[in-house]
Amino acid sequence: MSEIPDRLSVNPSSPFHNEDLLKQGVGIRFNGVEKTNVEEYCISEGWIRVAAGKALDRAGNPITIKLKGTVEAYVQTSAEK
């Protein structure tokens, strides 16, 4: 099983992007609720970034909202995907 990093981003230009791990599938539970729209997370600081609707910035990246709470990350199995 892969070790889950403390911080991970789906944005390829981010220093926290890990394509191999994202291909395996990473699940996020935020305050006990499964989230499927997470753009970035940090377990130690206790936050996630989620897209704010369909709005984009000038570079074409989604506008995100930072939510604070309990973050749990795990590698998804083939049954969970």
Protein backbone atom coordinates (compact mmCIF):
# COMPACT_ATOMS: atom_id res chain seq x y z
CA MET A 1 0.00 0.00 0.00
CA SER A 2 1.25 3.49 -0.82
CA GLU A 3 1.97 5.97 1.90
CA ILE A 4 -0.54 8.83 1.78
CA PRO A 5 1.20 12.23 1.75
CA ASP A 6 0.25 14.91 4.27
CA ARG A 7 -0.65 17.27 1.42
CA LEU A 8 -1.81 16.51 -2.13
CA SER A 9 -3.13 18.58 -5.04
CA VAL A 10 -4.80 17.67 -8.34
CA ASN A 11 -3.31 20.75 -10.05
CA PRO A 12 -0.28 19.65 -12.16
CA SER A 13 1.53 22.97 -11.58
CA SER A 14 1.43 22.51 -7.78
CA PRO A 15 4.55 21.25 -5.96
CA PHE A 16 2.22 18.88 -4.06
CA HIS A 17 0.96 17.12 -7.22
CA ASN A 18 1.63 13.34 -7.38
CA GLU A 19 0.32 11.85 -10.61
CA ASP A 20 1.07 8.21 -9.72
CA LEU A 21 -0.89 8.40 -6.48
CA LEU A 22 -3.80 10.21 -8.14
CA LYS A 23 -4.02 7.47 -10.79
CA GLN A 24 -4.40 4.88 -8.00
CA GLY A 25 -7.25 6.93 -6.57
CA VAL A 26 -7.29 8.87 -3.31
CA GLY A 27 -10.43 9.12 -1.22
CA ILE A 28 -11.08 12.00 1.19
CA ARG A 29 -13.33 12.02 4.25
CA PHE A 30 -13.93 15.52 5.61
CA ASN A 31 -15.62 15.69 9.02
CA GLY A 32 -16.76 12.08 8.47
CA VAL A 33 -18.38 12.77 5.07
CA GLU A 34 -17.00 11.39 1.79
CA LYS A 35 -15.97 14.23 -0.57
CA THR A 36 -15.44 13.72 -4.30
CA ASN A 37 -14.76 17.32 -5.37
CA VAL A 38 -11.55 18.03 -3.40
CA GLU A 39 -8.89 19.98 -5.33
CA GLU A 40 -6.25 19.94 -2.56
CA TYR A 41 -5.96 18.78 1.06
CA CYS A 42 -3.62 19.02 4.06
CA ILE A 43 -4.09 16.50 6.86
CA SER A 44 -1.80 18.12 9.47
CA GLU A 45 -3.33 21.59 9.07
CA GLY A 46 -6.88 20.18 8.82
CA TRP A 47 -8.21 21.75 5.61
CA ILE A 48 -9.40 20.93 2.10
CA ARG A 49 -9.93 23.09 -0.97
CA VAL A 50 -13.07 22.48 -3.02
CA ALA A 51 -14.18 24.08 -6.27
CA ALA A 52 -16.60 27.00 -5.89
CA GLY A 53 -19.12 26.17 -8.61
CA LYS A 54 -17.93 26.41 -12.20
CA ALA A 55 -16.02 29.69 -11.77
CA LEU A 56 -12.47 29.84 -13.17
CA ASP A 57 -9.60 32.23 -12.57
CA ARG A 58 -7.60 33.94 -15.34
CA ALA A 59 -5.31 30.93 -15.72
CA GLY A 60 -8.26 28.57 -16.19
CA ASN A 61 -8.00 26.98 -12.74
CA PRO A 62 -11.14 26.52 -10.65
CA ILE A 63 -11.84 29.09 -7.93
CA THR A 64 -11.59 27.22 -4.63
CA ILE A 65 -12.90 27.58 -1.09
CA LYS A 66 -10.82 26.47 1.89
CA LEU A 67 -12.79 24.44 4.46
CA LYS A 68 -11.33 23.55 7.87
CA GLY A 69 -12.10 20.39 9.80
CA THR A 70 -10.98 16.78 10.26
CA VAL A 71 -9.37 15.36 7.10
CA GLU A 72 -8.86 11.63 6.46
CA ALA A 73 -7.20 10.44 3.23
CA TYR A 74 -6.93 6.87 1.95
CA VAL A 75 -6.03 4.97 -1.22
CA GLN A 76 -9.19 3.72 -2.90
CA THR A 77 -9.56 0.04 -3.70
CA SER A 78 -10.94 -1.10 -7.06
CA ALA A 79 -14.39 -1.62 -5.47
CA GLU A 80 -14.51 2.01 -4.21
CA LYS A 81 -13.65 3.64 -7.56
